[in-house]
Amino acid sequence: MATVAFADRGVAGSSLDDLARQVGMTKQAILYHFGSKDGLVTAVLEQGARDLIDVLAAAGAPGAAGWDRVEATVRAAFGLAVRRPELVGLLRELGRLAPERTGPVLSLLQPMIDDAVAALQAGMDAGRLRRSDPRLVLVSVYAIVTGVVADTGVLRAVGLELNLKLAVELRGAVLAFLRAALLSE
């Protein structure tokens, strides 16, 4: 429930009173378990990071480098967005929070980020991907995928509503764009 609230309304827009009402408990019970709203936010973000790591690790073709790894990751990210859109929204919210709130979560994600950068670099070194700064490529892929699946307002502005069929079409469009941008001629 807190994940959905934080993804939909943001951390600042979600009160403990509202969260307590939604889950059918008291604010004091939440405070007993998490100590504070910050404690709850940290717990939700850390669990979201672990869920993301699990999904992407399962799809990431360990040891794979180049396009196959990029494609598997994008497919997994879109699958996650369809099954758990609140998790993608929570990731987007992560970028809006102060560094002291995001530090523990980024520490959890860092090994996955480092592995992704290394896989992109290996694909570039082997000539399977265009040479570029792999960190910038990773940030760009992240922004494209999360922007496409998490910003429903932009989708609505162009007359689209996110559903399974549209997610498959969007995934194909994103993969075609990335293929053109990343694959060597």
N, C-alpha and C. Protein backbone atom coordinates (compact mmCIF):
# COMPACT_ATOMS: atom_id res chain seq x y z
N MET A 1 0.81 -1.20 0.00
CA MET A 1 0.00 0.00 0.00
C MET A 1 0.86 1.26 0.00
N ALA A 2 1.89 1.29 0.83
CA ALA A 2 2.75 2.47 0.90
C ALA A 2 3.48 2.66 -0.42
N THR A 3 3.89 1.56 -1.06
CA THR A 3 4.57 1.66 -2.36
C THR A 3 3.67 2.35 -3.36
N VAL A 4 2.42 1.94 -3.42
CA VAL A 4 1.47 2.54 -4.36
C VAL A 4 1.27 4.02 -4.03
N ALA A 5 1.09 4.33 -2.76
CA ALA A 5 0.87 5.72 -2.36
C ALA A 5 2.07 6.59 -2.71
N PHE A 6 3.28 6.12 -2.40
CA PHE A 6 4.47 6.90 -2.69
C PHE A 6 4.67 7.06 -4.20
N ALA A 7 4.34 6.03 -4.96
CA ALA A 7 4.49 6.11 -6.42
C ALA A 7 3.45 7.06 -7.02
N ASP A 8 2.22 7.00 -6.52
CA ASP A 8 1.15 7.83 -7.07
C ASP A 8 1.19 9.28 -6.61
N ARG A 9 1.38 9.48 -5.31
CA ARG A 9 1.29 10.83 -4.74
C ARG A 9 2.64 11.40 -4.31
N GLY A 10 3.68 10.59 -4.41
CA GLY A 10 4.99 11.02 -3.94
C GLY A 10 5.09 10.87 -2.44
N VAL A 11 6.31 10.92 -1.96
CA VAL A 11 6.54 10.79 -0.52
C VAL A 11 5.94 11.97 0.22
N ALA A 12 6.19 13.17 -0.30
CA ALA A 12 5.68 14.38 0.36
C ALA A 12 4.16 14.42 0.39
N GLY A 13 3.52 13.85 -0.62
CA GLY A 13 2.06 13.89 -0.71
C GLY A 13 1.36 12.75 -0.01
N SER A 14 2.09 11.90 0.67
CA SER A 14 1.51 10.74 1.36
C SER A 14 1.70 10.90 2.86
N SER A 15 0.61 11.02 3.57
CA SER A 15 0.71 11.17 5.03
C SER A 15 0.58 9.81 5.71
N LEU A 16 1.13 9.71 6.90
CA LEU A 16 1.00 8.47 7.66
C LEU A 16 -0.46 8.21 8.04
N ASP A 17 -1.21 9.27 8.29
CA ASP A 17 -2.63 9.10 8.62
C ASP A 17 -3.36 8.45 7.45
N ASP A 18 -3.12 8.94 6.24
CA ASP A 18 -3.76 8.36 5.05
C ASP A 18 -3.34 6.91 4.84
N LEU A 19 -2.04 6.64 4.98
CA LEU A 19 -1.54 5.28 4.80
C LEU A 19 -2.16 4.34 5.83
N ALA A 20 -2.24 4.79 7.08
CA ALA A 20 -2.83 3.97 8.15
C ALA A 20 -4.28 3.63 7.82
N ARG A 21 -5.04 4.63 7.36
CA ARG A 21 -6.44 4.38 6.99
C ARG A 21 -6.54 3.36 5.85
N GLN A 22 -5.66 3.49 4.86
CA GLN A 22 -5.71 2.59 3.71
C GLN A 22 -5.41 1.14 4.07
N VAL A 23 -4.51 0.92 5.02
CA VAL A 23 -4.17 -0.45 5.38
C VAL A 23 -4.94 -0.95 6.59
N GLY A 24 -5.77 -0.11 7.16
CA GLY A 24 -6.61 -0.53 8.28
C GLY A 24 -5.86 -0.70 9.59
N MET A 25 -4.91 0.18 9.83
CA MET A 25 -4.21 0.16 11.11
C MET A 25 -4.05 1.59 11.61
N THR A 26 -3.45 1.72 12.75
CA THR A 26 -3.27 3.07 13.29
C THR A 26 -1.92 3.63 12.87
N LYS A 27 -1.85 4.95 12.92
CA LYS A 27 -0.58 5.63 12.66
C LYS A 27 0.46 5.18 13.68
N GLN A 28 0.04 4.98 14.91
CA GLN A 28 0.95 4.55 15.97
C GLN A 28 1.53 3.16 15.66
N ALA A 29 0.74 2.29 15.05
CA ALA A 29 1.24 0.96 14.69
C ALA A 29 2.33 1.07 13.62
N ILE A 30 2.14 1.95 12.66
CA ILE A 30 3.16 2.18 11.63
C ILE A 30 4.43 2.71 12.29
N LEU A 31 4.25 3.69 13.18
CA LEU A 31 5.41 4.26 13.86
C LEU A 31 6.12 3.23 14.74
N TYR A 32 5.37 2.33 15.34
CA TYR A 32 5.97 1.28 16.17
C TYR A 32 6.89 0.40 15.31
N HIS A 33 6.43 0.05 14.11
CA HIS A 33 7.20 -0.86 13.24
C HIS A 33 8.34 -0.16 12.49
N PHE A 34 8.14 1.11 12.15
CA PHE A 34 9.12 1.79 11.28
C PHE A 34 9.80 2.98 11.95
N GLY A 35 9.31 3.40 13.10
CA GLY A 35 9.95 4.49 13.85
C GLY A 35 9.54 5.88 13.41
N SER A 36 9.36 6.07 12.11
CA SER A 36 9.01 7.38 11.58
C SER A 36 8.57 7.20 10.12
N LYS A 37 8.10 8.28 9.54
CA LYS A 37 7.76 8.23 8.12
C LYS A 37 9.02 7.96 7.30
N ASP A 38 10.15 8.56 7.70
CA ASP A 38 11.41 8.29 7.01
C ASP A 38 11.78 6.81 7.08
N GLY A 39 11.53 6.19 8.22
CA GLY A 39 11.79 4.75 8.36
C GLY A 39 10.94 3.93 7.41
N LEU A 40 9.67 4.31 7.29
CA LEU A 40 8.78 3.63 6.36
C LEU A 40 9.24 3.84 4.92
N VAL A 41 9.59 5.08 4.59
CA VAL A 41 10.06 5.39 3.23
C VAL A 41 11.29 4.55 2.91
N THR A 42 12.23 4.51 3.83
CA THR A 42 13.46 3.72 3.61
C THR A 42 13.13 2.25 3.41
N ALA A 43 12.26 1.70 4.24
CA ALA A 43 11.89 0.28 4.11
C ALA A 43 11.22 0.01 2.77
N VAL A 44 10.33 0.88 2.35
CA VAL A 44 9.63 0.71 1.07
C VAL A 44 10.62 0.81 -0.10
N LEU A 45 11.50 1.81 -0.05
CA LEU A 45 12.48 1.97 -1.12
C LEU A 45 13.45 0.79 -1.19
N GLU A 46 13.91 0.33 -0.03
CA GLU A 46 14.83 -0.80 -0.02
C GLU A 46 14.17 -2.07 -0.54
N GLN A 47 12.91 -2.30 -0.17
CA GLN A 47 12.20 -3.48 -0.69
C GLN A 47 11.98 -3.35 -2.20
N GLY A 48 11.64 -2.15 -2.65
CA GLY A 48 11.48 -1.92 -4.08
C GLY A 48 12.77 -2.17 -4.84
N ALA A 49 13.90 -1.74 -4.27
CA ALA A 49 15.21 -1.98 -4.90
C ALA A 49 15.50 -3.48 -4.98
N ARG A 50 15.19 -4.21 -3.90
CA ARG A 50 15.42 -5.66 -3.92
C ARG A 50 14.55 -6.35 -4.96
N ASP A 51 13.29 -5.91 -5.06
CA ASP A 51 12.39 -6.48 -6.08
C ASP A 51 12.92 -6.21 -7.49
N LEU A 52 13.39 -4.99 -7.72
CA LEU A 52 13.94 -4.64 -9.02
C LEU A 52 15.18 -5.48 -9.33
N ILE A 53 16.06 -5.61 -8.36
CA ILE A 53 17.27 -6.42 -8.53
C ILE A 53 16.91 -7.86 -8.89
N ASP A 54 15.93 -8.43 -8.17
CA ASP A 54 15.52 -9.81 -8.44
C ASP A 54 15.02 -9.98 -9.87
N VAL A 55 14.17 -9.07 -10.31
CA VAL A 55 13.60 -9.17 -11.66
C VAL A 55 14.67 -9.00 -12.73
N LEU A 56 15.49 -7.98 -12.58
CA LEU A 56 16.50 -7.72 -13.60
C LEU A 56 17.61 -8.76 -13.58
N ALA A 57 17.96 -9.27 -12.41
CA ALA A 57 18.98 -10.31 -12.34
C ALA A 57 18.50 -11.59 -13.02
N ALA A 58 17.22 -11.91 -12.84
CA ALA A 58 16.68 -13.11 -13.47
C ALA A 58 16.67 -13.00 -15.00
N ALA A 59 16.51 -11.79 -15.50
CA ALA A 59 16.43 -11.59 -16.94
C ALA A 59 17.75 -11.18 -17.56
N GLY A 60 18.71 -10.78 -16.74
CA GLY A 60 19.91 -10.12 -17.23
C GLY A 60 20.92 -10.98 -17.92
N ALA A 61 20.69 -12.26 -18.11
CA ALA A 61 21.65 -13.13 -18.78
C ALA A 61 23.05 -12.90 -18.22
N PRO A 62 23.30 -13.32 -16.98
CA PRO A 62 24.61 -13.06 -16.37
C PRO A 62 25.76 -13.44 -17.31
N GLY A 63 26.71 -12.55 -17.39
CA GLY A 63 27.86 -12.78 -18.26
C GLY A 63 27.64 -12.33 -19.69
N ALA A 64 26.38 -12.11 -20.07
CA ALA A 64 26.10 -11.67 -21.44
C ALA A 64 26.49 -10.21 -21.58
N ALA A 65 26.95 -9.86 -22.75
CA ALA A 65 27.31 -8.47 -23.03
C ALA A 65 26.73 -8.12 -24.39
N GLY A 66 26.53 -6.86 -24.60
CA GLY A 66 26.05 -6.43 -25.90
C GLY A 66 24.53 -6.37 -25.97
N TRP A 67 24.04 -6.48 -27.19
CA TRP A 67 22.63 -6.27 -27.45
C TRP A 67 21.74 -7.26 -26.70
N ASP A 68 22.14 -8.52 -26.61
CA ASP A 68 21.30 -9.52 -25.93
C ASP A 68 21.01 -9.10 -24.49
N ARG A 69 21.99 -8.56 -23.83
CA ARG A 69 21.82 -8.10 -22.44
C ARG A 69 20.89 -6.90 -22.39
N VAL A 70 21.08 -5.95 -23.29
CA VAL A 70 20.22 -4.76 -23.33
C VAL A 70 18.77 -5.18 -23.58
N GLU A 71 18.57 -6.03 -24.57
CA GLU A 71 17.21 -6.46 -24.91
C GLU A 71 16.55 -7.20 -23.76
N ALA A 72 17.28 -8.12 -23.11
CA ALA A 72 16.71 -8.87 -21.99
C ALA A 72 16.33 -7.94 -20.84
N THR A 73 17.16 -6.94 -20.60
CA THR A 73 16.89 -6.00 -19.51
C THR A 73 15.66 -5.15 -19.82
N VAL A 74 15.57 -4.66 -21.05
CA VAL A 74 14.41 -3.84 -21.44
C VAL A 74 13.13 -4.67 -21.37
N ARG A 75 13.19 -5.90 -21.85
CA ARG A 75 12.01 -6.77 -21.79
C ARG A 75 11.59 -7.00 -20.33
N ALA A 76 12.55 -7.25 -19.46
CA ALA A 76 12.24 -7.46 -18.04
C ALA A 76 11.66 -6.19 -17.42
N ALA A 77 12.22 -5.04 -17.77
CA ALA A 77 11.73 -3.77 -17.22
C ALA A 77 10.29 -3.51 -17.65
N PHE A 78 9.98 -3.78 -18.91
CA PHE A 78 8.60 -3.58 -19.36
C PHE A 78 7.66 -4.58 -18.70
N GLY A 79 8.10 -5.81 -18.53
CA GLY A 79 7.28 -6.80 -17.83
C GLY A 79 6.98 -6.36 -16.41
N LEU A 80 8.00 -5.84 -15.75
CA LEU A 80 7.83 -5.33 -14.40
C LEU A 80 6.85 -4.16 -14.38
N ALA A 81 6.96 -3.28 -15.36
CA ALA A 81 6.09 -2.11 -15.42
C ALA A 81 4.62 -2.51 -15.60
N VAL A 82 4.38 -3.58 -16.33
CA VAL A 82 3.01 -4.04 -16.52
C VAL A 82 2.49 -4.73 -15.27
N ARG A 83 3.34 -5.57 -14.67
CA ARG A 83 2.92 -6.30 -13.47
C ARG A 83 2.89 -5.44 -12.22
N ARG A 84 3.85 -4.52 -12.10
CA ARG A 84 3.97 -3.72 -10.88
C ARG A 84 4.30 -2.27 -11.24
N PRO A 85 3.35 -1.56 -11.83
CA PRO A 85 3.62 -0.18 -12.23
C PRO A 85 4.02 0.71 -11.06
N GLU A 86 3.56 0.37 -9.86
CA GLU A 86 3.91 1.17 -8.69
C GLU A 86 5.41 1.12 -8.40
N LEU A 87 6.06 0.02 -8.74
CA LEU A 87 7.49 -0.09 -8.50
C LEU A 87 8.27 0.85 -9.42
N VAL A 88 7.84 0.96 -10.67
CA VAL A 88 8.48 1.88 -11.60
C VAL A 88 8.23 3.32 -11.14
N GLY A 89 7.00 3.60 -10.69
CA GLY A 89 6.71 4.93 -10.15
C GLY A 89 7.54 5.24 -8.92
N LEU A 90 7.78 4.23 -8.10
CA LEU A 90 8.61 4.42 -6.91
C LEU A 90 10.05 4.75 -7.31
N LEU A 91 10.55 4.10 -8.34
CA LEU A 91 11.90 4.42 -8.83
C LEU A 91 11.98 5.86 -9.31
N ARG A 92 10.95 6.29 -10.00
CA ARG A 92 10.91 7.68 -10.46
C ARG A 92 10.91 8.63 -9.26
N GLU A 93 10.19 8.27 -8.22
CA GLU A 93 10.13 9.08 -7.00
C GLU A 93 11.49 9.13 -6.30
N LEU A 94 12.26 8.07 -6.42
CA LEU A 94 13.58 8.00 -5.80
C LEU A 94 14.45 9.19 -6.23
N GLY A 95 14.35 9.59 -7.48
CA GLY A 95 15.14 10.70 -7.99
C GLY A 95 14.75 12.04 -7.41
N ARG A 96 13.60 12.12 -6.77
CA ARG A 96 13.13 13.38 -6.20
C ARG A 96 13.50 13.55 -4.74
N LEU A 97 14.05 12.52 -4.15
CA LEU A 97 14.32 12.54 -2.72
C LEU A 97 15.73 13.02 -2.41
N ALA A 98 15.92 13.48 -1.21
CA ALA A 98 17.23 13.97 -0.75
C ALA A 98 18.22 12.81 -0.69
N PRO A 99 19.50 13.10 -0.91
CA PRO A 99 20.53 12.05 -0.91
C PRO A 99 20.57 11.21 0.36
N GLU A 100 20.27 11.79 1.51
CA GLU A 100 20.31 10.98 2.73
C GLU A 100 19.22 9.91 2.74
N ARG A 101 18.14 10.12 2.02
CA ARG A 101 17.10 9.10 1.91
C ARG A 101 17.45 8.06 0.86
N THR A 102 18.15 8.47 -0.18
CA THR A 102 18.40 7.57 -1.29
C THR A 102 19.69 6.78 -1.15
N GLY A 103 20.59 7.22 -0.29
CA GLY A 103 21.89 6.56 -0.13
C GLY A 103 21.81 5.06 0.11
N PRO A 104 21.02 4.62 1.11
CA PRO A 104 20.95 3.17 1.36
C PRO A 104 20.39 2.39 0.17
N VAL A 105 19.45 2.98 -0.54
CA VAL A 105 18.85 2.31 -1.70
C VAL A 105 19.86 2.23 -2.84
N LEU A 106 20.57 3.32 -3.08
CA LEU A 106 21.58 3.31 -4.14
C LEU A 106 22.70 2.33 -3.82
N SER A 107 23.00 2.15 -2.53
CA SER A 107 24.00 1.15 -2.15
C SER A 107 23.55 -0.25 -2.53
N LEU A 108 22.26 -0.52 -2.37
CA LEU A 108 21.72 -1.83 -2.79
C LEU A 108 21.80 -1.99 -4.31
N LEU A 109 21.52 -0.92 -5.04
CA LEU A 109 21.49 -0.98 -6.50
C LEU A 109 22.87 -0.92 -7.14
N GLN A 110 23.87 -0.42 -6.41
CA GLN A 110 25.19 -0.16 -7.00
C GLN A 110 25.83 -1.38 -7.67
N PRO A 111 25.80 -2.57 -7.06
CA PRO A 111 26.41 -3.72 -7.76
C PRO A 111 25.72 -4.01 -9.10
N MET A 112 24.41 -3.87 -9.15
CA MET A 112 23.69 -4.09 -10.40
C MET A 112 24.06 -3.02 -11.43
N ILE A 113 24.18 -1.79 -10.98
CA ILE A 113 24.57 -0.69 -11.87
C ILE A 113 25.98 -0.92 -12.40
N ASP A 114 26.90 -1.28 -11.51
CA ASP A 114 28.28 -1.54 -11.93
C ASP A 114 28.34 -2.68 -12.94
N ASP A 115 27.56 -3.73 -12.71
CA ASP A 115 27.52 -4.87 -13.62
C ASP A 115 26.98 -4.46 -14.99
N ALA A 116 25.94 -3.62 -14.99
CA ALA A 116 25.36 -3.16 -16.26
C ALA A 116 26.36 -2.31 -17.04
N VAL A 117 27.06 -1.42 -16.34
CA VAL A 117 28.08 -0.60 -17.00
C VAL A 117 29.18 -1.49 -17.58
N ALA A 118 29.62 -2.48 -16.81
CA ALA A 118 30.66 -3.40 -17.28
C ALA A 118 30.18 -4.20 -18.50
N ALA A 119 28.93 -4.64 -18.48
CA ALA A 119 28.39 -5.39 -19.62
C ALA A 119 28.32 -4.52 -20.87
N LEU A 120 27.89 -3.26 -20.71
CA LEU A 120 27.87 -2.35 -21.86
C LEU A 120 29.29 -2.11 -22.37
N GLN A 121 30.22 -1.89 -21.46
CA GLN A 121 31.61 -1.67 -21.87
C GLN A 121 32.16 -2.89 -22.61
N ALA A 122 31.86 -4.08 -22.10
CA ALA A 122 32.33 -5.30 -22.76
C ALA A 122 31.74 -5.43 -24.16
N GLY A 123 30.46 -5.08 -24.31
CA GLY A 123 29.85 -5.11 -25.64
C GLY A 123 30.48 -4.10 -26.58
N MET A 124 30.85 -2.95 -26.04
CA MET A 124 31.53 -1.93 -26.85
C MET A 124 32.94 -2.38 -27.22
N ASP A 125 33.65 -2.93 -26.25
CA ASP A 125 35.02 -3.39 -26.49
C ASP A 125 35.05 -4.52 -27.53
N ALA A 126 34.02 -5.35 -27.54
CA ALA A 126 33.95 -6.45 -28.49
C ALA A 126 33.41 -6.01 -29.86
N GLY A 127 33.02 -4.74 -29.96
CA GLY A 127 32.51 -4.24 -31.23
C GLY A 127 31.06 -4.58 -31.50
N ARG A 128 30.35 -5.09 -30.49
CA ARG A 128 28.93 -5.43 -30.67
C ARG A 128 28.01 -4.25 -30.40
N LEU A 129 28.52 -3.24 -29.72
CA LEU A 129 27.76 -2.01 -29.45
C LEU A 129 28.63 -0.83 -29.88
N ARG A 130 27.96 0.24 -30.30
CA ARG A 130 28.71 1.46 -30.63
C ARG A 130 29.47 1.96 -29.42
N ARG A 131 30.66 2.45 -29.67
CA ARG A 131 31.49 2.97 -28.59
C ARG A 131 30.88 4.28 -28.09
N SER A 132 30.75 4.35 -26.78
CA SER A 132 30.20 5.52 -26.10
C SER A 132 30.57 5.40 -24.64
N ASP A 133 30.15 6.34 -23.83
CA ASP A 133 30.34 6.22 -22.40
C ASP A 133 29.23 5.30 -21.86
N PRO A 134 29.58 4.11 -21.37
CA PRO A 134 28.54 3.17 -20.95
C PRO A 134 27.65 3.70 -19.82
N ARG A 135 28.19 4.60 -18.99
CA ARG A 135 27.37 5.18 -17.92
C ARG A 135 26.27 6.06 -18.50
N LEU A 136 26.62 6.83 -19.53
CA LEU A 136 25.61 7.67 -20.18
C LEU A 136 24.58 6.83 -20.91
N VAL A 137 25.03 5.74 -21.53
CA VAL A 137 24.09 4.83 -22.19
C VAL A 137 23.13 4.25 -21.17
N LEU A 138 23.65 3.80 -20.03
CA LEU A 138 22.80 3.22 -18.99
C LEU A 138 21.77 4.23 -18.49
N VAL A 139 22.20 5.45 -18.23
CA VAL A 139 21.28 6.49 -17.77
C VAL A 139 20.22 6.77 -18.84
N SER A 140 20.63 6.80 -20.09
CA SER A 140 19.69 7.07 -21.18
C SER A 140 18.66 5.95 -21.30
N VAL A 141 19.13 4.70 -21.24
CA VAL A 141 18.20 3.56 -21.32
C VAL A 141 17.22 3.61 -20.15
N TYR A 142 17.74 3.86 -18.95
CA TYR A 142 16.87 3.97 -17.77
C TYR A 142 15.82 5.06 -17.98
N ALA A 143 16.26 6.24 -18.44
CA ALA A 143 15.32 7.35 -18.62
C ALA A 143 14.27 7.03 -19.67
N ILE A 144 14.69 6.39 -20.75
CA ILE A 144 13.73 6.04 -21.80
C ILE A 144 12.70 5.06 -21.28
N VAL A 145 13.17 3.99 -20.66
CA VAL A 145 12.25 2.94 -20.21
C VAL A 145 11.32 3.47 -19.12
N THR A 146 11.88 4.10 -18.09
CA THR A 146 11.00 4.57 -17.01
C THR A 146 10.10 5.70 -17.49
N GLY A 147 10.60 6.55 -18.36
CA GLY A 147 9.77 7.64 -18.89
C GLY A 147 8.59 7.12 -19.68
N VAL A 148 8.85 6.12 -20.51
CA VAL A 148 7.79 5.57 -21.36
C VAL A 148 6.73 4.86 -20.54
N VAL A 149 7.14 4.11 -19.53
CA VAL A 149 6.15 3.31 -18.80
C VAL A 149 5.60 3.99 -17.55
N ALA A 150 6.31 4.98 -17.03
CA ALA A 150 5.87 5.58 -15.77
C ALA A 150 5.16 6.90 -15.95
N ASP A 151 5.33 7.55 -17.07
CA ASP A 151 4.72 8.87 -17.24
C ASP A 151 3.41 8.75 -18.01
N THR A 152 2.39 8.29 -17.30
CA THR A 152 1.09 8.08 -17.94
C THR A 152 0.47 9.40 -18.40
N GLY A 153 0.86 10.51 -17.79
CA GLY A 153 0.34 11.81 -18.22
C GLY A 153 0.76 12.14 -19.64
N VAL A 154 2.01 11.83 -19.99
CA VAL A 154 2.48 12.06 -21.36
C VAL A 154 1.75 11.13 -22.31
N LEU A 155 1.56 9.88 -21.91
CA LEU A 155 0.82 8.95 -22.77
C LEU A 155 -0.59 9.48 -23.03
N ARG A 156 -1.25 9.92 -21.98
CA ARG A 156 -2.61 10.45 -22.16
C ARG A 156 -2.63 11.69 -23.04
N ALA A 157 -1.59 12.52 -22.92
CA ALA A 157 -1.53 13.75 -23.73
C ALA A 157 -1.48 13.45 -25.22
N VAL A 158 -0.93 12.29 -25.57
CA VAL A 158 -0.89 11.92 -26.99
C VAL A 158 -1.98 10.91 -27.34
N GLY A 159 -2.95 10.76 -26.44
CA GLY A 159 -4.11 9.93 -26.71
C GLY A 159 -3.92 8.44 -26.47
N LEU A 160 -2.99 8.07 -25.59
CA LEU A 160 -2.74 6.66 -25.32
C LEU A 160 -3.01 6.36 -23.85
N GLU A 161 -3.43 5.14 -23.59
CA GLU A 161 -3.66 4.67 -22.22
C GLU A 161 -2.86 3.39 -22.05
N LEU A 162 -2.03 3.33 -21.01
CA LEU A 162 -1.16 2.17 -20.82
C LEU A 162 -1.98 0.93 -20.50
N ASN A 163 -1.81 -0.09 -21.30
CA ASN A 163 -2.38 -1.40 -21.09
C ASN A 163 -1.38 -2.41 -21.64
N LEU A 164 -1.69 -3.69 -21.57
CA LEU A 164 -0.75 -4.72 -22.00
C LEU A 164 -0.40 -4.57 -23.48
N LYS A 165 -1.40 -4.36 -24.32
CA LYS A 165 -1.15 -4.23 -25.76
C LYS A 165 -0.24 -3.04 -26.04
N LEU A 166 -0.53 -1.90 -25.43
CA LEU A 166 0.30 -0.73 -25.66
C LEU A 166 1.71 -0.94 -25.09
N ALA A 167 1.81 -1.61 -23.95
CA ALA A 167 3.14 -1.86 -23.36
C ALA A 167 3.99 -2.69 -24.33
N VAL A 168 3.39 -3.68 -24.98
CA VAL A 168 4.12 -4.49 -25.96
C VAL A 168 4.56 -3.63 -27.14
N GLU A 169 3.66 -2.76 -27.62
CA GLU A 169 4.02 -1.86 -28.72
C GLU A 169 5.12 -0.88 -28.31
N LEU A 170 5.00 -0.32 -27.13
CA LEU A 170 6.02 0.60 -26.63
C LEU A 170 7.36 -0.10 -26.47
N ARG A 171 7.32 -1.31 -25.94
CA ARG A 171 8.56 -2.08 -25.79
C ARG A 171 9.23 -2.29 -27.15
N GLY A 172 8.44 -2.63 -28.15
CA GLY A 172 8.99 -2.80 -29.50
C GLY A 172 9.58 -1.51 -30.03
N ALA A 173 8.90 -0.39 -29.81
CA ALA A 173 9.41 0.90 -30.28
C ALA A 173 10.70 1.29 -29.55
N VAL A 174 10.73 1.06 -28.24
CA VAL A 174 11.94 1.37 -27.47
C VAL A 174 13.09 0.48 -27.91
N LEU A 175 12.84 -0.80 -28.11
CA LEU A 175 13.90 -1.70 -28.56
C LEU A 175 14.41 -1.32 -29.94
N ALA A 176 13.51 -0.93 -30.84
CA ALA A 176 13.93 -0.50 -32.19
C ALA A 176 14.80 0.75 -32.09
N PHE A 177 14.39 1.69 -31.25
CA PHE A 177 15.16 2.93 -31.05
C PHE A 177 16.55 2.62 -30.49
N LEU A 178 16.58 1.77 -29.46
CA LEU A 178 17.85 1.42 -28.83
C LEU A 178 18.73 0.62 -29.77
N ARG A 179 18.13 -0.29 -30.54
CA ARG A 179 18.89 -1.07 -31.51
C ARG A 179 19.59 -0.13 -32.50
N ALA A 180 18.85 0.84 -33.02
CA ALA A 180 19.42 1.79 -33.98
C ALA A 180 20.51 2.64 -33.33
N ALA A 181 20.33 2.97 -32.07
CA ALA A 181 21.30 3.83 -31.38
C ALA A 181 22.55 3.08 -30.93
N LEU A 182 22.40 1.82 -30.57
CA LEU A 182 23.50 1.10 -29.93
C LEU A 182 24.25 0.11 -30.81
N LEU A 183 23.57 -0.49 -31.78
CA LEU A 183 24.25 -1.53 -32.55
C LEU A 183 25.20 -0.92 -33.57
N SER A 184 26.35 -1.54 -33.68
CA SER A 184 27.31 -1.10 -34.69
C SER A 184 26.78 -1.46 -36.07
N GLU A 185 27.12 -0.64 -37.02
CA GLU A 185 26.67 -0.88 -38.40
C GLU A 185 27.37 -2.08 -38.98
